[in-house]
N, C-alpha and C. Protein backbone atom coordinates (compact mmCIF):
# COMPACT_ATOMS: atom_id res chain seq x y z
N MET A 1 -34.05 -10.29 39.00
CA MET A 1 -32.76 -10.13 38.39
C MET A 1 -32.85 -10.32 36.86
N MET A 2 -33.56 -11.35 36.43
CA MET A 2 -33.68 -11.61 35.04
C MET A 2 -34.48 -10.56 34.31
N LYS A 3 -35.50 -9.99 34.98
CA LYS A 3 -36.31 -8.95 34.35
C LYS A 3 -35.47 -7.67 34.14
N LYS A 4 -34.61 -7.33 35.10
CA LYS A 4 -33.80 -6.15 34.96
C LYS A 4 -32.82 -6.27 33.76
N ARG A 5 -32.25 -7.44 33.67
CA ARG A 5 -31.29 -7.67 32.56
C ARG A 5 -32.00 -7.63 31.20
N THR A 6 -33.20 -8.19 31.09
CA THR A 6 -33.96 -8.12 29.87
C THR A 6 -34.39 -6.73 29.49
N ILE A 7 -34.83 -5.99 30.50
CA ILE A 7 -35.26 -4.57 30.27
C ILE A 7 -34.05 -3.70 29.87
N SER A 8 -32.91 -3.96 30.52
CA SER A 8 -31.75 -3.15 30.15
C SER A 8 -31.28 -3.47 28.74
N TRP A 9 -31.37 -4.67 28.29
CA TRP A 9 -31.00 -5.07 26.93
C TRP A 9 -31.98 -4.46 25.92
N ILE A 10 -33.21 -4.46 26.25
CA ILE A 10 -34.25 -3.82 25.34
C ILE A 10 -33.96 -2.30 25.25
N VAL A 11 -33.66 -1.66 26.33
CA VAL A 11 -33.38 -0.22 26.32
C VAL A 11 -32.12 0.06 25.48
N ILE A 12 -31.07 -0.74 25.64
CA ILE A 12 -29.85 -0.60 24.85
C ILE A 12 -30.14 -0.82 23.36
N LEU A 13 -30.96 -1.80 23.02
CA LEU A 13 -31.27 -2.08 21.66
C LEU A 13 -32.09 -0.95 21.05
N VAL A 14 -33.04 -0.37 21.77
CA VAL A 14 -33.85 0.76 21.29
C VAL A 14 -32.96 1.97 21.06
N ILE A 15 -32.09 2.27 21.96
CA ILE A 15 -31.12 3.43 21.78
C ILE A 15 -30.22 3.23 20.57
N ALA A 16 -29.74 1.99 20.40
CA ALA A 16 -28.84 1.72 19.25
C ALA A 16 -29.57 1.86 17.95
N LEU A 17 -30.83 1.38 17.90
CA LEU A 17 -31.66 1.51 16.69
C LEU A 17 -32.00 2.95 16.43
N PHE A 18 -32.26 3.71 17.43
CA PHE A 18 -32.57 5.13 17.26
C PHE A 18 -31.33 5.87 16.62
N PHE A 19 -30.18 5.59 17.14
CA PHE A 19 -28.98 6.23 16.60
C PHE A 19 -28.72 5.75 15.16
N LEU A 20 -28.90 4.47 14.91
CA LEU A 20 -28.63 3.93 13.61
C LEU A 20 -29.59 4.45 12.55
N PHE A 21 -30.91 4.49 12.86
CA PHE A 21 -31.90 4.90 11.87
C PHE A 21 -32.29 6.34 12.01
N GLY A 22 -31.85 7.03 13.02
CA GLY A 22 -32.22 8.39 13.24
C GLY A 22 -31.22 9.42 12.71
N ILE A 23 -30.01 9.02 12.58
CA ILE A 23 -28.90 9.87 12.14
C ILE A 23 -28.84 9.92 10.60
N LYS A 24 -28.62 11.06 10.05
CA LYS A 24 -28.40 11.17 8.61
C LYS A 24 -26.96 11.04 8.26
N TYR A 25 -26.69 10.23 7.24
CA TYR A 25 -25.31 9.98 6.78
C TYR A 25 -25.14 10.65 5.47
N GLU A 26 -23.90 11.08 5.23
CA GLU A 26 -23.57 11.76 3.96
C GLU A 26 -23.52 10.70 2.86
N THR A 27 -24.32 10.94 1.82
CA THR A 27 -24.36 10.10 0.64
C THR A 27 -23.94 10.91 -0.54
N VAL A 28 -23.07 10.35 -1.36
CA VAL A 28 -22.59 11.04 -2.55
C VAL A 28 -23.38 10.56 -3.76
N LEU A 29 -23.94 11.50 -4.55
CA LEU A 29 -24.65 11.22 -5.73
C LEU A 29 -23.71 11.51 -6.93
N TYR A 30 -23.53 10.55 -7.82
CA TYR A 30 -22.78 10.77 -9.04
C TYR A 30 -23.78 10.79 -10.19
N ILE A 31 -23.74 11.94 -10.95
CA ILE A 31 -24.71 12.16 -11.97
C ILE A 31 -23.94 12.44 -13.26
N GLY A 32 -24.21 11.68 -14.30
CA GLY A 32 -23.46 11.83 -15.52
C GLY A 32 -24.07 11.18 -16.75
N MET A 33 -23.40 11.40 -17.88
CA MET A 33 -23.77 10.87 -19.14
C MET A 33 -22.46 10.47 -19.82
N SER A 34 -22.34 9.24 -20.20
CA SER A 34 -21.04 8.78 -20.72
C SER A 34 -20.95 8.81 -22.23
N SER A 35 -22.09 9.03 -22.91
CA SER A 35 -22.01 9.18 -24.36
C SER A 35 -22.96 10.26 -24.78
N PRO A 36 -22.77 10.94 -25.89
CA PRO A 36 -23.55 12.10 -26.25
C PRO A 36 -24.96 11.75 -26.60
N ALA A 37 -25.87 12.65 -26.36
CA ALA A 37 -27.28 12.46 -26.72
C ALA A 37 -27.37 12.68 -28.24
N LEU A 38 -28.45 12.21 -28.82
CA LEU A 38 -28.53 12.32 -30.29
C LEU A 38 -28.58 13.75 -30.80
N ASP A 39 -29.15 14.67 -30.03
CA ASP A 39 -29.30 16.03 -30.50
C ASP A 39 -28.37 17.00 -29.79
N GLY A 40 -27.29 16.51 -29.19
CA GLY A 40 -26.37 17.45 -28.54
C GLY A 40 -25.56 16.76 -27.44
N TYR A 41 -24.86 17.60 -26.74
CA TYR A 41 -23.96 17.10 -25.68
C TYR A 41 -24.48 17.31 -24.25
N SER A 42 -25.64 17.94 -24.08
CA SER A 42 -26.12 18.13 -22.73
C SER A 42 -27.65 17.94 -22.74
N ILE A 43 -28.14 17.59 -21.51
CA ILE A 43 -29.60 17.50 -21.33
C ILE A 43 -29.97 18.08 -19.99
N ASP A 44 -31.19 18.44 -19.86
CA ASP A 44 -31.68 18.96 -18.56
C ASP A 44 -32.11 17.80 -17.67
N ILE A 45 -31.90 17.95 -16.37
CA ILE A 45 -32.36 16.86 -15.44
C ILE A 45 -32.94 17.49 -14.22
N LYS A 46 -33.87 16.75 -13.66
CA LYS A 46 -34.52 17.09 -12.35
C LYS A 46 -34.39 15.83 -11.50
N VAL A 47 -33.76 15.96 -10.32
CA VAL A 47 -33.60 14.83 -9.42
C VAL A 47 -34.34 15.14 -8.14
N LYS A 48 -35.19 14.15 -7.74
CA LYS A 48 -35.89 14.16 -6.48
C LYS A 48 -35.58 12.95 -5.68
N ILE A 49 -35.38 13.12 -4.35
CA ILE A 49 -35.26 12.01 -3.46
C ILE A 49 -36.35 12.15 -2.38
N ASP A 50 -37.18 11.17 -2.32
CA ASP A 50 -38.32 11.16 -1.40
C ASP A 50 -39.22 12.42 -1.61
N GLY A 51 -39.39 12.79 -2.85
CA GLY A 51 -40.26 13.91 -3.18
C GLY A 51 -39.64 15.30 -3.02
N ASN A 52 -38.37 15.40 -2.59
CA ASN A 52 -37.74 16.69 -2.38
C ASN A 52 -36.73 16.89 -3.53
N PHE A 53 -36.77 18.10 -4.13
CA PHE A 53 -35.85 18.43 -5.22
C PHE A 53 -34.41 18.45 -4.64
N VAL A 54 -33.53 17.75 -5.35
CA VAL A 54 -32.11 17.71 -4.99
C VAL A 54 -31.33 18.50 -6.01
N LEU A 55 -31.70 18.40 -7.29
CA LEU A 55 -30.97 19.03 -8.38
C LEU A 55 -31.93 19.34 -9.53
N ASN A 56 -31.80 20.55 -10.06
CA ASN A 56 -32.53 20.98 -11.25
C ASN A 56 -31.51 21.73 -12.12
N ASP A 57 -30.80 20.94 -13.01
CA ASP A 57 -29.67 21.51 -13.75
C ASP A 57 -29.57 20.75 -15.05
N SER A 58 -28.43 20.89 -15.69
CA SER A 58 -28.15 20.11 -16.92
C SER A 58 -26.85 19.36 -16.74
N ILE A 59 -26.73 18.25 -17.46
CA ILE A 59 -25.50 17.48 -17.38
C ILE A 59 -24.91 17.43 -18.79
N ASN A 60 -23.62 17.38 -18.86
CA ASN A 60 -22.87 17.34 -20.15
C ASN A 60 -22.30 15.97 -20.34
N ASN A 61 -22.03 15.66 -21.60
CA ASN A 61 -21.37 14.40 -21.96
C ASN A 61 -19.92 14.45 -21.56
N ASN A 62 -19.51 13.62 -20.61
CA ASN A 62 -18.16 13.50 -20.21
C ASN A 62 -17.96 12.10 -19.61
N PRO A 63 -17.33 11.20 -20.37
CA PRO A 63 -17.19 9.83 -19.83
C PRO A 63 -16.17 9.68 -18.72
N TYR A 64 -15.39 10.71 -18.42
CA TYR A 64 -14.34 10.64 -17.42
C TYR A 64 -14.64 11.38 -16.13
N LYS A 65 -15.68 12.22 -16.09
CA LYS A 65 -15.95 12.97 -14.92
C LYS A 65 -17.45 13.12 -14.77
N TYR A 66 -17.96 12.66 -13.63
CA TYR A 66 -19.37 12.81 -13.34
C TYR A 66 -19.56 13.94 -12.34
N ASN A 67 -20.67 14.60 -12.39
CA ASN A 67 -21.01 15.61 -11.42
C ASN A 67 -21.25 14.94 -10.03
N THR A 68 -20.75 15.51 -8.95
CA THR A 68 -20.98 14.93 -7.67
C THR A 68 -21.80 15.91 -6.80
N LEU A 69 -22.65 15.31 -6.00
CA LEU A 69 -23.51 16.07 -5.10
C LEU A 69 -23.60 15.31 -3.83
N LYS A 70 -23.33 15.98 -2.69
CA LYS A 70 -23.40 15.34 -1.40
C LYS A 70 -24.77 15.68 -0.75
N LYS A 71 -25.40 14.66 -0.27
CA LYS A 71 -26.72 14.81 0.37
C LYS A 71 -26.80 13.91 1.62
N LYS A 72 -27.29 14.45 2.70
CA LYS A 72 -27.41 13.68 3.91
C LYS A 72 -28.75 12.90 3.88
N LEU A 73 -28.66 11.58 3.98
CA LEU A 73 -29.80 10.72 3.95
C LEU A 73 -29.79 9.76 5.11
N LYS A 74 -30.96 9.37 5.59
CA LYS A 74 -31.12 8.41 6.65
C LYS A 74 -30.99 6.99 6.05
N ILE A 75 -30.74 6.04 6.88
CA ILE A 75 -30.75 4.65 6.47
C ILE A 75 -32.23 4.26 6.13
N GLY A 76 -32.39 3.48 5.08
CA GLY A 76 -33.73 3.00 4.74
C GLY A 76 -34.00 3.08 3.27
N PHE A 77 -35.28 2.78 2.94
CA PHE A 77 -35.71 2.88 1.57
C PHE A 77 -35.88 4.31 1.16
N ARG A 78 -35.35 4.69 0.01
CA ARG A 78 -35.46 6.04 -0.54
C ARG A 78 -35.98 5.92 -1.97
N ARG A 79 -36.90 6.80 -2.30
CA ARG A 79 -37.43 6.86 -3.68
C ARG A 79 -36.65 7.90 -4.43
N VAL A 80 -35.94 7.45 -5.46
CA VAL A 80 -35.14 8.33 -6.30
C VAL A 80 -35.88 8.47 -7.62
N GLU A 81 -36.09 9.74 -7.99
CA GLU A 81 -36.84 10.08 -9.22
C GLU A 81 -36.01 11.04 -10.06
N ILE A 82 -35.82 10.73 -11.30
CA ILE A 82 -35.00 11.58 -12.21
C ILE A 82 -35.76 11.68 -13.54
N SER A 83 -35.74 12.91 -14.05
CA SER A 83 -36.49 13.13 -15.32
C SER A 83 -35.74 14.16 -16.15
N SER A 84 -36.08 14.15 -17.44
CA SER A 84 -35.49 15.11 -18.40
C SER A 84 -36.59 15.46 -19.40
N ASN A 85 -36.87 16.77 -19.57
CA ASN A 85 -37.84 17.18 -20.54
C ASN A 85 -37.29 17.05 -21.93
N ARG A 86 -36.07 17.42 -22.10
CA ARG A 86 -35.45 17.37 -23.47
C ARG A 86 -35.31 15.97 -23.99
N ALA A 87 -34.96 15.02 -23.15
CA ALA A 87 -34.78 13.64 -23.56
C ALA A 87 -36.10 12.87 -23.45
N LYS A 88 -37.13 13.43 -22.84
CA LYS A 88 -38.43 12.76 -22.65
C LYS A 88 -38.26 11.45 -21.91
N VAL A 89 -37.60 11.53 -20.77
CA VAL A 89 -37.36 10.31 -19.96
C VAL A 89 -37.78 10.62 -18.49
N HIS A 90 -38.39 9.66 -17.86
CA HIS A 90 -38.76 9.77 -16.44
C HIS A 90 -38.56 8.40 -15.84
N THR A 91 -37.68 8.35 -14.84
CA THR A 91 -37.36 7.09 -14.17
C THR A 91 -37.52 7.21 -12.64
N ILE A 92 -38.16 6.20 -12.08
CA ILE A 92 -38.35 6.15 -10.60
C ILE A 92 -37.82 4.78 -10.12
N LYS A 93 -37.06 4.81 -9.00
CA LYS A 93 -36.54 3.57 -8.43
C LYS A 93 -36.45 3.71 -6.93
N GLU A 94 -36.84 2.67 -6.20
CA GLU A 94 -36.71 2.61 -4.77
C GLU A 94 -35.39 1.89 -4.44
N ILE A 95 -34.56 2.48 -3.65
CA ILE A 95 -33.31 1.88 -3.25
C ILE A 95 -33.21 1.88 -1.74
N PHE A 96 -32.44 0.95 -1.21
CA PHE A 96 -32.18 0.91 0.22
C PHE A 96 -30.77 1.48 0.47
N VAL A 97 -30.74 2.56 1.21
CA VAL A 97 -29.46 3.31 1.47
C VAL A 97 -28.92 2.93 2.80
N LEU A 98 -27.61 2.63 2.84
CA LEU A 98 -26.89 2.37 4.06
C LEU A 98 -25.78 3.39 4.14
N PRO A 99 -25.13 3.49 5.36
CA PRO A 99 -23.98 4.39 5.48
C PRO A 99 -22.82 3.98 4.54
N ASN A 100 -22.05 4.96 4.15
CA ASN A 100 -20.88 4.77 3.30
C ASN A 100 -21.22 4.23 1.90
N GLN A 101 -22.39 4.68 1.38
CA GLN A 101 -22.75 4.23 0.02
C GLN A 101 -22.79 5.44 -0.88
N PHE A 102 -22.82 5.17 -2.21
CA PHE A 102 -23.04 6.18 -3.22
C PHE A 102 -24.28 5.81 -4.00
N ILE A 103 -24.84 6.79 -4.69
CA ILE A 103 -25.96 6.64 -5.67
C ILE A 103 -25.43 7.11 -7.01
N LEU A 104 -25.59 6.27 -8.06
CA LEU A 104 -25.18 6.59 -9.38
C LEU A 104 -26.45 6.81 -10.26
N LEU A 105 -26.49 8.00 -10.89
CA LEU A 105 -27.56 8.34 -11.77
C LEU A 105 -26.91 8.61 -13.16
N GLU A 106 -27.07 7.74 -14.10
CA GLU A 106 -26.41 7.83 -15.37
C GLU A 106 -27.42 7.83 -16.52
N PHE A 107 -27.25 8.79 -17.41
CA PHE A 107 -28.14 8.84 -18.59
C PHE A 107 -27.57 8.02 -19.70
N LEU A 108 -28.42 7.13 -20.26
CA LEU A 108 -27.98 6.28 -21.35
C LEU A 108 -28.81 6.62 -22.58
N PRO A 109 -28.16 7.42 -23.54
CA PRO A 109 -28.89 7.76 -24.74
C PRO A 109 -28.89 6.63 -25.70
N ARG A 110 -29.91 5.89 -25.84
CA ARG A 110 -30.05 4.72 -26.70
C ARG A 110 -30.23 5.19 -28.13
N LEU A 111 -29.96 4.32 -29.02
CA LEU A 111 -30.13 4.61 -30.47
C LEU A 111 -31.62 4.42 -30.86
N ARG A 112 -32.26 5.51 -31.20
CA ARG A 112 -33.64 5.37 -31.52
C ARG A 112 -33.88 4.71 -32.87
N SER A 113 -32.82 4.70 -33.71
CA SER A 113 -32.92 4.05 -35.05
C SER A 113 -33.06 2.54 -34.84
N GLU A 114 -32.49 2.05 -33.75
CA GLU A 114 -32.62 0.59 -33.50
C GLU A 114 -33.78 0.23 -32.57
N GLY A 115 -34.64 1.26 -32.27
CA GLY A 115 -35.83 1.00 -31.49
C GLY A 115 -35.59 1.08 -29.99
N GLU A 116 -34.40 1.42 -29.53
CA GLU A 116 -34.08 1.53 -28.12
C GLU A 116 -34.35 2.98 -27.63
N GLU A 117 -35.02 3.10 -26.57
CA GLU A 117 -35.34 4.44 -26.03
C GLU A 117 -34.26 4.87 -24.99
N PRO A 118 -34.01 6.15 -24.88
CA PRO A 118 -33.11 6.63 -23.83
C PRO A 118 -33.66 6.32 -22.44
N GLU A 119 -32.77 6.19 -21.48
CA GLU A 119 -33.22 5.93 -20.13
C GLU A 119 -32.21 6.38 -19.12
N PHE A 120 -32.61 6.48 -17.85
CA PHE A 120 -31.69 6.74 -16.78
C PHE A 120 -31.42 5.47 -16.02
N PHE A 121 -30.18 5.22 -15.74
CA PHE A 121 -29.74 4.05 -15.02
C PHE A 121 -29.49 4.54 -13.54
N ILE A 122 -30.22 3.94 -12.59
CA ILE A 122 -30.11 4.31 -11.19
C ILE A 122 -29.63 3.09 -10.41
N THR A 123 -28.50 3.23 -9.70
CA THR A 123 -28.00 2.17 -8.91
C THR A 123 -27.25 2.75 -7.68
N HIS A 124 -26.86 1.87 -6.79
CA HIS A 124 -26.12 2.33 -5.62
C HIS A 124 -25.12 1.22 -5.23
N GLY A 125 -24.16 1.64 -4.47
CA GLY A 125 -23.14 0.69 -4.03
C GLY A 125 -22.22 1.29 -2.94
N PHE A 126 -21.30 0.52 -2.49
CA PHE A 126 -20.41 1.05 -1.42
C PHE A 126 -19.25 1.76 -2.01
N LYS A 127 -18.75 2.74 -1.28
CA LYS A 127 -17.65 3.55 -1.74
C LYS A 127 -16.40 2.67 -1.82
N PRO A 128 -15.45 2.98 -2.62
CA PRO A 128 -15.37 4.08 -3.54
C PRO A 128 -15.97 3.76 -4.88
N PHE A 129 -16.44 4.77 -5.52
CA PHE A 129 -17.02 4.66 -6.89
C PHE A 129 -15.91 4.83 -7.91
N ARG A 130 -15.86 3.92 -8.84
CA ARG A 130 -14.82 4.00 -9.89
C ARG A 130 -15.45 3.99 -11.28
N TYR A 131 -14.94 4.81 -12.17
CA TYR A 131 -15.39 4.85 -13.53
C TYR A 131 -14.62 3.80 -14.27
N GLU A 132 -15.27 3.08 -15.13
CA GLU A 132 -14.54 2.10 -15.93
C GLU A 132 -14.99 2.12 -17.35
């Protein structure tokens, strides 16, 4: 009797873990630049998640509206890679993605006169995403 109960709980646990980690959930990527770059108002970007190209486009300076992109991702660690040839920036970050989360990719054009280099800020959080 005890063996049957243990085996049934293990089977239920395995099925629950399969559904939890096997299903892809919709994740929203917010991509933007809140202040202008030194040499203009747009830069080129290439975004990869786990080595797969997600976006190869340009972003414009707009502090009130970020580009949104919906991508289906599984739960777990994801390697997010973003680069720009024009800004000469390449950033890689590993993040742990859960359901009902967003990923924020923001370009920060630092002042080179003060010795700060431009960079991409990569973070994630739970919905809703708010600009402030």
